[in-house]
N, C-alpha and C. Protein backbone atom coordinates (compact mmCIF):
# COMPACT_ATOMS: atom_id res chain seq x y z
N MET A 1 -134.96 -101.07 23.16
CA MET A 1 -134.45 -100.93 21.99
C MET A 1 -134.07 -102.73 21.68
N LYS A 2 -134.34 -103.07 20.17
CA LYS A 2 -134.00 -104.56 19.64
C LYS A 2 -133.32 -104.25 18.63
N LYS A 3 -132.79 -105.22 17.82
CA LYS A 3 -132.29 -105.39 16.66
C LYS A 3 -132.31 -106.89 16.23
N ASP A 4 -133.07 -107.10 15.30
CA ASP A 4 -132.93 -108.40 14.27
C ASP A 4 -132.14 -108.34 13.20
N ILE A 5 -131.14 -109.32 13.43
CA ILE A 5 -130.15 -109.45 12.30
C ILE A 5 -129.99 -110.79 11.73
N ILE A 6 -130.07 -110.93 10.38
CA ILE A 6 -130.16 -112.23 9.74
C ILE A 6 -128.31 -112.25 9.39
N LEU A 7 -127.63 -113.17 9.33
CA LEU A 7 -126.26 -113.12 8.89
C LEU A 7 -126.35 -114.59 7.99
N CYS A 8 -125.82 -114.04 6.89
CA CYS A 8 -125.82 -115.21 5.79
C CYS A 8 -124.47 -114.95 4.81
N GLY A 9 -124.38 -116.49 4.46
CA GLY A 9 -123.19 -116.74 3.65
C GLY A 9 -122.89 -117.86 3.03
N VAL A 10 -121.97 -118.49 2.63
CA VAL A 10 -121.47 -119.83 2.19
C VAL A 10 -120.55 -120.45 3.28
N GLY A 11 -120.75 -121.49 3.52
CA GLY A 11 -119.66 -122.42 4.45
C GLY A 11 -118.21 -121.90 4.22
N GLY A 12 -117.87 -121.84 5.19
CA GLY A 12 -116.20 -121.44 5.35
C GLY A 12 -116.03 -120.17 5.30
N GLN A 13 -116.98 -119.12 5.04
CA GLN A 13 -116.86 -117.63 5.04
C GLN A 13 -116.60 -116.89 6.06
N GLY A 14 -117.02 -117.37 7.25
CA GLY A 14 -116.97 -116.91 8.62
C GLY A 14 -117.98 -116.09 9.03
N ILE A 15 -119.04 -116.50 8.71
CA ILE A 15 -120.49 -116.03 9.02
C ILE A 15 -120.73 -116.23 10.70
N LEU A 16 -120.13 -117.56 10.81
CA LEU A 16 -120.78 -117.69 12.46
C LEU A 16 -119.73 -117.21 13.20
N SER A 17 -118.45 -116.94 12.99
CA SER A 17 -117.29 -116.10 13.72
C SER A 17 -118.08 -114.79 13.71
N ILE A 18 -118.68 -114.19 12.96
CA ILE A 18 -119.49 -112.79 13.05
C ILE A 18 -120.53 -112.97 14.25
N ALA A 19 -121.27 -114.17 14.27
CA ALA A 19 -122.44 -114.50 14.94
C ALA A 19 -122.09 -114.60 16.21
N THR A 20 -120.78 -115.14 16.62
CA THR A 20 -119.74 -115.11 18.14
C THR A 20 -119.46 -114.12 18.62
N ILE A 21 -118.89 -113.12 18.01
CA ILE A 21 -118.30 -111.67 18.06
C ILE A 21 -119.55 -110.80 18.43
N ILE A 22 -120.27 -110.77 17.68
CA ILE A 22 -121.63 -109.91 18.04
C ILE A 22 -122.41 -110.59 19.44
N GLY A 23 -122.48 -112.13 19.39
CA GLY A 23 -122.93 -112.58 20.58
C GLY A 23 -122.53 -112.44 22.00
N GLU A 24 -120.80 -112.04 21.55
CA GLU A 24 -120.01 -112.03 22.91
C GLU A 24 -120.02 -110.30 23.38
N ALA A 25 -120.10 -109.44 22.21
CA ALA A 25 -120.54 -108.26 22.68
C ALA A 25 -121.74 -107.75 23.53
N ALA A 26 -122.74 -108.41 22.94
CA ALA A 26 -124.32 -108.30 23.64
C ALA A 26 -124.30 -108.79 24.95
N THR A 27 -123.76 -109.98 24.94
CA THR A 27 -123.66 -110.48 26.50
C THR A 27 -122.92 -109.51 27.51
N LYS A 28 -121.67 -109.34 26.99
CA LYS A 28 -121.07 -108.38 28.16
C LYS A 28 -121.84 -107.10 28.15
N ALA A 29 -122.36 -106.61 27.19
CA ALA A 29 -123.30 -105.18 27.39
C ALA A 29 -124.68 -105.96 27.85
N GLY A 30 -124.88 -106.78 28.53
CA GLY A 30 -126.10 -106.93 29.16
C GLY A 30 -127.32 -107.02 28.60
N LEU A 31 -127.25 -107.38 27.20
CA LEU A 31 -128.36 -107.18 26.48
C LEU A 31 -129.04 -108.73 26.15
N TYR A 32 -130.16 -108.77 26.05
CA TYR A 32 -130.96 -110.14 25.77
C TYR A 32 -130.47 -110.74 24.51
N LEU A 33 -130.30 -112.06 24.45
CA LEU A 33 -129.90 -112.06 22.86
C LEU A 33 -130.30 -113.89 22.94
N LYS A 34 -130.72 -113.99 21.54
CA LYS A 34 -131.55 -115.05 21.19
C LYS A 34 -130.63 -115.34 19.60
N GLN A 35 -130.32 -116.93 19.51
CA GLN A 35 -129.65 -117.11 18.07
C GLN A 35 -129.88 -118.52 17.57
N ALA A 36 -130.48 -118.41 16.44
CA ALA A 36 -130.71 -119.60 15.81
C ALA A 36 -129.78 -119.60 14.50
N GLU A 37 -129.37 -120.70 14.44
CA GLU A 37 -128.33 -120.84 13.10
C GLU A 37 -128.95 -122.22 12.49
N VAL A 38 -128.88 -121.86 11.00
CA VAL A 38 -128.90 -122.86 10.28
C VAL A 38 -127.65 -123.40 9.59
N HIS A 39 -127.21 -124.16 9.79
CA HIS A 39 -126.17 -124.67 8.51
C HIS A 39 -126.66 -125.53 7.65
N GLY A 40 -126.13 -125.15 6.68
CA GLY A 40 -126.21 -125.50 5.15
C GLY A 40 -125.02 -126.86 5.31
N MET A 41 -124.48 -127.32 4.09
CA MET A 41 -123.42 -128.11 3.88
C MET A 41 -122.30 -126.96 3.85
N SER A 42 -121.89 -126.85 5.11
CA SER A 42 -121.01 -125.58 5.28
C SER A 42 -119.50 -126.38 4.74
N GLN A 43 -119.45 -127.35 4.79
CA GLN A 43 -117.86 -128.21 4.36
C GLN A 43 -117.88 -128.23 2.93
N ARG A 44 -119.07 -127.96 2.45
CA ARG A 44 -119.25 -128.34 0.95
C ARG A 44 -119.53 -126.67 0.05
N GLY A 45 -119.46 -126.02 0.93
CA GLY A 45 -120.05 -124.57 0.53
C GLY A 45 -121.07 -124.21 0.08
N GLY A 46 -122.07 -125.01 1.42
CA GLY A 46 -123.78 -124.71 1.31
C GLY A 46 -124.06 -123.42 1.87
N ASP A 47 -125.23 -122.79 2.05
CA ASP A 47 -125.42 -121.90 2.57
C ASP A 47 -125.48 -121.95 3.83
N VAL A 48 -125.07 -120.71 4.72
CA VAL A 48 -125.09 -120.83 6.22
C VAL A 48 -125.61 -119.47 6.73
N GLN A 49 -126.82 -119.72 7.59
CA GLN A 49 -127.75 -118.70 7.89
C GLN A 49 -127.86 -118.58 9.54
N SER A 50 -128.00 -117.48 10.24
CA SER A 50 -128.05 -117.24 11.52
C SER A 50 -128.94 -116.09 11.53
N ASN A 51 -130.08 -116.30 12.80
CA ASN A 51 -130.70 -115.34 13.26
C ASN A 51 -130.31 -114.96 14.29
N LEU A 52 -129.81 -113.62 14.23
CA LEU A 52 -129.79 -113.18 15.55
C LEU A 52 -130.18 -111.97 16.16
N ARG A 53 -131.12 -112.23 17.77
CA ARG A 53 -131.65 -111.02 18.08
C ARG A 53 -131.30 -110.51 19.27
N LEU A 54 -131.11 -109.31 19.27
CA LEU A 54 -130.40 -108.34 20.32
C LEU A 54 -131.82 -107.53 20.88
N SER A 55 -131.74 -107.52 22.37
CA SER A 55 -132.97 -106.37 23.14
C SER A 55 -132.30 -106.11 24.34
N THR A 56 -132.89 -105.08 24.80
CA THR A 56 -132.95 -104.45 25.91
C THR A 56 -134.13 -105.33 26.87
N GLU A 57 -135.04 -106.00 26.29
CA GLU A 57 -136.00 -106.35 26.86
C GLU A 57 -135.79 -108.11 26.38
N PRO A 58 -136.63 -108.46 27.26
CA PRO A 58 -136.68 -110.33 27.16
C PRO A 58 -137.08 -110.53 25.63
N ILE A 59 -136.53 -111.45 25.03
CA ILE A 59 -136.94 -112.16 23.55
C ILE A 59 -137.61 -113.33 23.86
N HIS A 60 -138.53 -113.49 23.14
CA HIS A 60 -139.37 -114.93 23.47
C HIS A 60 -139.01 -115.79 22.24
N SER A 61 -138.79 -115.45 20.86
CA SER A 61 -138.34 -116.27 20.08
C SER A 61 -137.20 -116.46 19.23
N ASP A 62 -136.71 -117.31 19.10
CA ASP A 62 -135.34 -117.67 18.26
C ASP A 62 -134.75 -116.87 16.94
N LEU A 63 -136.45 -117.01 16.36
CA LEU A 63 -136.63 -116.71 14.85
C LEU A 63 -137.18 -115.54 14.47
N ILE A 64 -136.36 -114.52 13.43
CA ILE A 64 -137.03 -113.56 12.82
C ILE A 64 -138.27 -113.86 12.19
N SER A 65 -139.38 -113.12 12.61
CA SER A 65 -140.43 -113.16 11.68
C SER A 65 -140.01 -112.59 10.15
N LEU A 66 -141.06 -113.03 8.97
CA LEU A 66 -141.27 -112.34 7.89
C LEU A 66 -141.42 -110.74 8.24
N GLY A 67 -140.35 -110.08 7.24
CA GLY A 67 -140.80 -108.36 7.41
C GLY A 67 -140.11 -108.00 8.42
N LYS A 68 -139.19 -108.73 9.51
CA LYS A 68 -139.01 -107.73 10.83
C LYS A 68 -137.83 -107.72 11.08
N ALA A 69 -136.86 -108.03 9.96
CA ALA A 69 -135.20 -108.19 10.19
C ALA A 69 -134.82 -106.41 10.02
N ASP A 70 -134.41 -106.21 10.90
CA ASP A 70 -133.59 -104.91 10.83
C ASP A 70 -132.48 -104.57 9.87
N LEU A 71 -131.82 -105.93 10.08
CA LEU A 71 -130.02 -105.87 9.20
C LEU A 71 -130.08 -107.54 8.82
N ILE A 72 -129.65 -107.24 7.53
CA ILE A 72 -129.21 -108.50 6.57
C ILE A 72 -127.64 -108.09 6.59
N ILE A 73 -126.66 -109.14 7.15
CA ILE A 73 -125.55 -109.05 6.85
C ILE A 73 -124.78 -110.25 6.19
N SER A 74 -124.20 -109.93 5.05
CA SER A 74 -123.83 -110.96 4.20
C SER A 74 -122.44 -111.19 3.45
N MET A 75 -122.39 -112.34 3.32
CA MET A 75 -120.90 -112.57 2.90
C MET A 75 -121.10 -112.66 1.50
N GLU A 76 -122.25 -112.56 0.70
CA GLU A 76 -122.22 -112.80 -0.84
C GLU A 76 -123.65 -112.42 -1.08
N PRO A 77 -123.51 -111.45 -2.48
CA PRO A 77 -124.84 -110.92 -2.74
C PRO A 77 -126.11 -112.01 -2.75
N MET A 78 -125.73 -113.24 -3.60
CA MET A 78 -127.19 -113.93 -3.87
C MET A 78 -127.63 -114.51 -2.51
N GLU A 79 -126.88 -114.63 -1.27
CA GLU A 79 -127.53 -114.89 -0.38
C GLU A 79 -128.22 -113.94 0.44
N SER A 80 -127.65 -112.56 0.37
CA SER A 80 -128.60 -111.38 0.66
C SER A 80 -129.93 -111.54 0.39
N LEU A 81 -130.22 -111.62 -0.86
CA LEU A 81 -131.33 -111.55 -1.62
C LEU A 81 -132.45 -113.21 -1.25
N ARG A 82 -131.47 -113.96 -0.91
CA ARG A 82 -132.20 -114.89 -0.53
C ARG A 82 -133.09 -114.74 0.79
N TYR A 83 -132.78 -114.05 1.70
CA TYR A 83 -133.41 -113.41 2.87
C TYR A 83 -134.25 -112.34 2.61
N LEU A 84 -134.57 -111.71 1.55
CA LEU A 84 -135.29 -110.45 1.55
C LEU A 84 -136.39 -110.34 2.20
N LEU A 85 -137.18 -111.47 2.20
CA LEU A 85 -138.85 -111.53 2.67
C LEU A 85 -138.68 -111.27 4.32
N TYR A 86 -137.56 -111.52 4.53
CA TYR A 86 -137.41 -111.21 6.63
C TYR A 86 -136.86 -109.58 6.74
N LEU A 87 -136.56 -109.23 5.66
CA LEU A 87 -136.33 -107.74 5.84
C LEU A 87 -137.05 -106.67 6.05
N SER A 88 -137.19 -105.85 6.77
CA SER A 88 -138.22 -104.92 7.27
C SER A 88 -138.24 -103.81 6.17
N LYS A 89 -139.22 -103.09 5.69
CA LYS A 89 -139.30 -102.29 5.00
C LYS A 89 -138.18 -101.04 5.03
N THR A 90 -137.59 -101.05 6.38
CA THR A 90 -136.62 -99.66 6.82
C THR A 90 -135.54 -100.68 7.14
N GLY A 91 -135.20 -101.56 6.65
CA GLY A 91 -134.07 -102.67 6.89
C GLY A 91 -133.16 -102.15 6.05
N THR A 92 -131.93 -102.58 6.24
CA THR A 92 -130.62 -102.43 5.76
C THR A 92 -130.10 -103.49 5.29
N ILE A 93 -129.40 -103.91 4.00
CA ILE A 93 -128.57 -104.98 3.63
C ILE A 93 -126.98 -104.37 3.41
N VAL A 94 -126.29 -105.22 4.25
CA VAL A 94 -124.94 -104.97 4.21
C VAL A 94 -124.30 -106.26 3.61
N THR A 95 -123.56 -105.90 2.11
CA THR A 95 -123.35 -107.45 1.69
C THR A 95 -121.96 -107.24 1.04
N SER A 96 -121.29 -108.13 0.94
CA SER A 96 -119.97 -108.08 -0.11
C SER A 96 -120.32 -107.97 -1.39
N SER A 97 -119.69 -107.54 -2.41
CA SER A 97 -120.44 -107.26 -3.66
C SER A 97 -119.89 -108.37 -4.87
N LYS A 98 -118.74 -109.53 -4.19
CA LYS A 98 -118.18 -110.24 -4.94
C LYS A 98 -119.16 -111.47 -4.75
N PRO A 99 -119.46 -112.10 -6.21
CA PRO A 99 -120.28 -113.31 -6.06
C PRO A 99 -119.10 -114.31 -5.54
N PHE A 100 -120.02 -115.68 -5.06
CA PHE A 100 -119.05 -116.65 -4.47
C PHE A 100 -119.98 -117.34 -5.36
N VAL A 101 -119.39 -118.13 -6.44
CA VAL A 101 -120.09 -118.90 -7.43
C VAL A 101 -120.09 -120.56 -7.05
N ASN A 102 -120.85 -120.82 -6.36
CA ASN A 102 -120.92 -122.17 -5.89
C ASN A 102 -121.82 -123.02 -6.14
N ILE A 103 -122.71 -122.76 -7.49
CA ILE A 103 -123.73 -123.46 -8.05
C ILE A 103 -123.72 -123.10 -9.31
N PRO A 104 -124.30 -124.42 -10.21
CA PRO A 104 -124.20 -124.12 -11.80
C PRO A 104 -125.03 -123.00 -12.32
N ASN A 105 -126.30 -122.96 -11.59
CA ASN A 105 -127.34 -121.95 -12.00
C ASN A 105 -127.24 -120.42 -11.14
N TYR A 106 -126.15 -120.06 -10.95
CA TYR A 106 -125.60 -118.62 -10.18
C TYR A 106 -126.43 -118.10 -10.98
N PRO A 107 -127.13 -116.94 -10.64
CA PRO A 107 -127.38 -116.20 -11.37
C PRO A 107 -126.61 -114.80 -12.11
N ASP A 108 -126.80 -114.04 -13.28
CA ASP A 108 -126.11 -113.34 -13.90
C ASP A 108 -125.60 -112.12 -13.29
N GLU A 109 -124.39 -111.97 -13.11
CA GLU A 109 -123.78 -110.88 -11.98
C GLU A 109 -124.63 -109.73 -12.03
N PRO A 110 -124.44 -108.97 -13.35
CA PRO A 110 -125.07 -107.56 -13.53
C PRO A 110 -126.90 -107.92 -12.77
N ALA A 111 -127.45 -108.56 -13.72
CA ALA A 111 -128.79 -108.73 -12.90
C ALA A 111 -129.07 -109.16 -11.44
N LEU A 112 -127.90 -109.33 -10.77
CA LEU A 112 -127.72 -109.49 -9.36
C LEU A 112 -127.72 -108.21 -8.56
N MET A 113 -126.49 -107.61 -9.20
CA MET A 113 -126.33 -106.12 -8.64
C MET A 113 -127.75 -105.48 -8.87
N ALA A 114 -128.13 -105.16 -10.10
CA ALA A 114 -129.38 -104.25 -10.47
C ALA A 114 -130.62 -104.65 -9.17
N GLU A 115 -130.57 -106.15 -8.91
CA GLU A 115 -131.82 -106.28 -8.10
C GLU A 115 -131.25 -105.78 -6.68
N LEU A 116 -129.89 -106.14 -6.44
CA LEU A 116 -129.36 -105.29 -5.28
C LEU A 116 -129.62 -103.69 -4.93
N GLU A 117 -129.11 -103.48 -6.01
CA GLU A 117 -129.23 -101.76 -6.08
C GLU A 117 -130.63 -100.85 -6.17
N ALA A 118 -131.54 -102.18 -6.51
CA ALA A 118 -133.06 -101.56 -6.38
C ALA A 118 -133.94 -101.67 -5.17
N MET A 119 -132.78 -101.87 -4.15
CA MET A 119 -133.28 -101.92 -2.76
C MET A 119 -133.12 -100.72 -2.10
N PRO A 120 -134.09 -100.40 -1.34
CA PRO A 120 -133.71 -98.89 -0.50
C PRO A 120 -132.77 -98.38 0.09
N SER A 121 -132.19 -99.76 1.13
CA SER A 121 -130.97 -99.54 1.84
C SER A 121 -129.80 -100.60 1.62
N VAL A 122 -128.89 -100.04 0.96
CA VAL A 122 -127.82 -101.48 0.90
C VAL A 122 -126.54 -100.76 0.65
N VAL A 123 -125.81 -101.54 1.42
CA VAL A 123 -124.26 -101.09 1.55
C VAL A 123 -123.33 -102.29 1.04
N LYS A 124 -122.93 -102.19 -0.32
CA LYS A 124 -121.93 -103.29 -0.54
C LYS A 124 -120.53 -102.55 -1.27
N LEU A 125 -120.07 -103.97 -0.90
CA LEU A 125 -118.44 -103.56 -1.32
C LEU A 125 -117.36 -105.01 -1.29
N ASN A 126 -116.54 -104.55 -1.98
CA ASN A 126 -115.72 -106.01 -2.47
C ASN A 126 -114.68 -106.12 -1.33
N ILE A 127 -115.46 -106.89 -0.40
CA ILE A 127 -114.31 -107.07 1.07
C ILE A 127 -113.54 -108.01 0.97
N GLU A 128 -113.60 -108.79 -0.20
CA GLU A 128 -112.44 -109.93 -0.37
C GLU A 128 -111.01 -109.02 -0.66
N ASP A 129 -111.54 -108.03 -1.68
CA ASP A 129 -110.17 -107.34 -2.34
C ASP A 129 -109.53 -106.52 -1.09
N ILE A 130 -110.49 -105.90 -0.33
CA ILE A 130 -110.11 -105.00 0.82
C ILE A 130 -109.07 -106.29 1.89
N ALA A 131 -109.56 -107.06 2.06
CA ALA A 131 -108.76 -108.06 3.00
C ALA A 131 -107.49 -108.46 2.30
N ARG A 132 -107.72 -108.81 0.87
CA ARG A 132 -106.13 -108.91 -0.06
C ARG A 132 -105.21 -108.04 0.57
N GLU A 133 -105.91 -106.64 0.26
CA GLU A 133 -104.91 -105.56 0.33
C GLU A 133 -104.11 -105.49 1.47
N LEU A 134 -104.96 -105.66 2.39
CA LEU A 134 -104.52 -105.90 3.85
C LEU A 134 -103.29 -107.18 3.99
N MET A 135 -103.24 -108.13 2.97
CA MET A 135 -102.78 -109.24 3.31
C MET A 135 -103.24 -110.13 4.40
N MET A 136 -104.39 -109.98 4.25
CA MET A 136 -105.30 -110.83 5.27
C MET A 136 -106.70 -111.57 4.63
N PRO A 137 -106.34 -112.33 3.55
CA PRO A 137 -107.81 -112.93 2.62
C PRO A 137 -108.82 -113.41 3.85
N LYS A 138 -108.28 -113.95 4.87
CA LYS A 138 -109.21 -114.87 5.56
C LYS A 138 -109.99 -114.03 6.39
N ALA A 139 -109.68 -112.80 6.58
CA ALA A 139 -110.44 -111.33 7.57
C ALA A 139 -111.27 -110.82 6.79
N ALA A 140 -111.83 -110.85 5.55
CA ALA A 140 -112.77 -110.64 4.78
C ALA A 140 -113.88 -110.37 5.84
N ASN A 141 -114.31 -111.53 6.51
CA ASN A 141 -115.82 -111.65 7.32
C ASN A 141 -115.64 -110.44 8.73
N MET A 142 -114.40 -110.07 8.83
CA MET A 142 -114.12 -108.62 9.81
C MET A 142 -114.12 -107.48 9.03
N VAL A 143 -113.83 -107.41 7.54
CA VAL A 143 -114.41 -106.11 6.96
C VAL A 143 -115.68 -106.14 6.84
N LEU A 144 -116.44 -106.90 6.70
CA LEU A 144 -117.89 -107.05 6.61
C LEU A 144 -118.55 -106.77 7.86
N LEU A 145 -117.77 -107.14 9.01
CA LEU A 145 -118.56 -106.84 10.64
C LEU A 145 -118.33 -105.29 10.57
N GLY A 146 -116.99 -104.60 9.94
CA GLY A 146 -116.89 -103.24 10.40
C GLY A 146 -117.62 -102.50 9.79
N MET A 147 -117.95 -103.02 8.26
CA MET A 147 -118.85 -102.21 7.53
C MET A 147 -120.22 -102.16 8.02
N ALA A 148 -120.88 -103.32 8.65
CA ALA A 148 -122.12 -103.51 9.29
C ALA A 148 -121.99 -102.66 11.02
N ALA A 149 -121.23 -102.71 11.51
CA ALA A 149 -120.99 -102.00 13.00
C ALA A 149 -122.01 -100.81 12.98
N PRO A 150 -122.08 -99.61 11.94
CA PRO A 150 -122.92 -98.35 12.29
C PRO A 150 -124.20 -98.72 12.17
N TYR A 151 -124.42 -100.20 11.38
CA TYR A 151 -125.99 -100.24 11.36
C TYR A 151 -126.59 -101.15 12.49
N ILE A 152 -125.53 -101.47 13.37
CA ILE A 152 -126.01 -102.61 14.32
C ILE A 152 -126.96 -101.86 15.18
N GLY A 153 -126.10 -100.65 15.54
CA GLY A 153 -126.67 -99.60 16.26
C GLY A 153 -127.06 -99.80 17.94
N ILE A 154 -127.41 -101.17 18.31
CA ILE A 154 -127.51 -101.61 19.69
C ILE A 154 -126.17 -101.84 20.32
N LEU A 155 -125.18 -102.05 19.79
CA LEU A 155 -123.60 -102.35 20.31
C LEU A 155 -122.87 -101.03 19.71
N SER A 156 -122.31 -100.79 20.43
CA SER A 156 -121.09 -99.73 19.87
C SER A 156 -120.09 -100.17 19.30
N VAL A 157 -119.30 -99.44 18.25
CA VAL A 157 -117.78 -99.93 17.80
C VAL A 157 -117.04 -100.67 18.66
N GLU A 158 -116.97 -99.66 19.82
CA GLU A 158 -115.97 -100.24 20.58
C GLU A 158 -116.39 -101.63 21.67
N GLN A 159 -117.64 -101.86 21.80
CA GLN A 159 -118.18 -103.00 22.21
C GLN A 159 -117.72 -104.25 21.21
N LEU A 160 -117.93 -103.94 19.97
CA LEU A 160 -117.56 -104.96 18.94
C LEU A 160 -115.85 -105.05 18.84
N ARG A 161 -115.12 -104.12 18.92
CA ARG A 161 -113.89 -104.22 18.94
C ARG A 161 -113.24 -104.98 20.11
N ASP A 162 -114.12 -104.84 21.13
CA ASP A 162 -113.46 -105.63 22.40
C ASP A 162 -113.76 -107.00 22.17
N ALA A 163 -115.27 -107.03 21.57
CA ALA A 163 -115.76 -108.80 21.54
C ALA A 163 -114.40 -109.45 20.43
N ILE A 164 -113.77 -108.78 19.59
CA ILE A 164 -112.88 -109.30 18.66
C ILE A 164 -111.89 -109.55 19.48
N ALA A 165 -111.59 -108.67 19.99
CA ALA A 165 -110.19 -109.11 21.13
C ALA A 165 -110.37 -110.31 21.92
N VAL A 166 -111.53 -110.21 22.68
CA VAL A 166 -111.90 -111.82 23.34
C VAL A 166 -111.85 -112.98 22.68
N ILE A 167 -112.65 -112.87 21.46
CA ILE A 167 -112.82 -114.33 20.68
C ILE A 167 -111.44 -114.55 20.14
N PHE A 168 -110.57 -113.65 19.83
CA PHE A 168 -109.47 -114.10 18.87
C PHE A 168 -108.11 -114.09 19.69
N ALA A 169 -108.55 -113.77 21.23
CA ALA A 169 -107.31 -113.97 22.01
C ALA A 169 -106.39 -115.07 22.08
N ARG A 170 -107.29 -116.32 22.04
CA ARG A 170 -106.62 -117.36 22.19
C ARG A 170 -105.71 -118.03 21.04
N LYS A 171 -105.76 -117.34 19.94
CA LYS A 171 -104.88 -117.55 18.65
C LYS A 171 -103.87 -116.48 18.74
N GLY A 172 -103.58 -115.44 19.67
CA GLY A 172 -102.24 -114.73 20.21
C GLY A 172 -102.45 -113.00 19.32
N GLU A 173 -101.72 -112.42 20.07
CA GLU A 173 -102.01 -111.26 19.77
C GLU A 173 -101.69 -110.49 18.32
N ALA A 174 -101.11 -111.27 17.34
CA ALA A 174 -100.68 -110.75 15.99
C ALA A 174 -102.24 -110.92 15.54
N VAL A 175 -103.14 -112.21 15.75
CA VAL A 175 -104.50 -112.32 15.09
C VAL A 175 -105.26 -111.43 15.64
N VAL A 176 -105.01 -111.12 16.82
CA VAL A 176 -106.30 -110.00 17.48
C VAL A 176 -105.91 -109.10 16.62
N GLU A 177 -104.92 -108.49 16.40
CA GLU A 177 -104.55 -107.12 15.61
C GLU A 177 -105.07 -106.95 14.25
N ALA A 178 -104.74 -108.14 13.72
CA ALA A 178 -105.05 -108.37 12.28
C ALA A 178 -106.49 -108.21 12.15
N ASN A 179 -107.10 -108.91 13.02
CA ASN A 179 -108.76 -108.85 12.91
C ASN A 179 -109.27 -107.59 12.96
N LEU A 180 -108.54 -106.51 14.07
CA LEU A 180 -109.12 -105.39 14.39
C LEU A 180 -108.87 -104.58 13.29
N LYS A 181 -107.62 -104.67 12.55
CA LYS A 181 -107.61 -103.89 11.36
C LYS A 181 -108.27 -103.97 10.17
N ALA A 182 -108.80 -105.36 10.23
CA ALA A 182 -109.79 -105.47 9.09
C ALA A 182 -111.13 -105.08 9.22
N PHE A 183 -111.49 -104.82 10.77
CA PHE A 183 -112.63 -104.63 11.02
C PHE A 183 -112.86 -102.93 10.96
N ASP A 184 -111.58 -102.37 11.38
CA ASP A 184 -111.63 -101.06 11.10
C ASP A 184 -111.41 -100.43 9.51
N LYS A 185 -111.08 -101.05 8.86
CA LYS A 185 -110.77 -101.16 7.39
C LYS A 185 -112.27 -101.00 6.80
N GLY A 186 -113.31 -101.83 7.29
CA GLY A 186 -114.57 -102.05 7.10
C GLY A 186 -115.23 -100.93 7.62
N ILE A 187 -114.84 -100.25 8.74
CA ILE A 187 -115.90 -99.54 9.29
C ILE A 187 -115.69 -98.10 8.62
N GLU A 188 -114.26 -97.62 7.90
CA GLU A 188 -113.64 -96.72 7.18
C GLU A 188 -114.35 -96.82 5.83
N ALA A 189 -114.55 -97.84 5.14
CA ALA A 189 -115.26 -98.14 4.03
C ALA A 189 -116.57 -98.04 4.02
N SER A 190 -117.18 -98.05 5.06
CA SER A 190 -118.54 -97.80 5.03
C SER A 190 -118.92 -96.49 5.13
N HIS A 191 -118.14 -95.57 5.35
CA HIS A 191 -117.99 -94.13 5.48
C HIS A 191 -117.76 -93.27 4.09
N GLN A 192 -117.26 -93.98 3.19
CA GLN A 192 -116.88 -93.78 1.75
C GLN A 192 -118.40 -93.32 0.64
């Protein structure tokens, strides 16, 4: 079994935290793992992308080939479309529905949403609003990870929850609980 995942977003949104959590869960599960990160101008809101490959068999390349990604997990809708060439015909996009307008020529929002909705398998939600409702605006990435959890498949929800607890443990129990709450809200939202 294998899962090829592209994680993408804008610098500062927490994409690399999601990669770290999935990586921790995969390592604990005894899976083979390869990761290749591309950091844009993350300090200035540039694009950030990571190839994450998980498998029960050895993996030989860090990079996902065109048309082979099983899942795109995106903190930003335009960023999810940037990597469509990598998505397999049966792949799924899990994305925030709220644009992060960081460039002057950002696409028209209705056109952007229409393009996303034309895709065969898309799950989108305003994760920022959910995180704000929880009074945890910085946990939008954990809401997104919760939304994506059912589509990751090779790892269980409990394995991801355990990894969240490990990764945030040094920040204290309150931070762990807040991130788990955001993750659970994302799972709940993906079933609606």
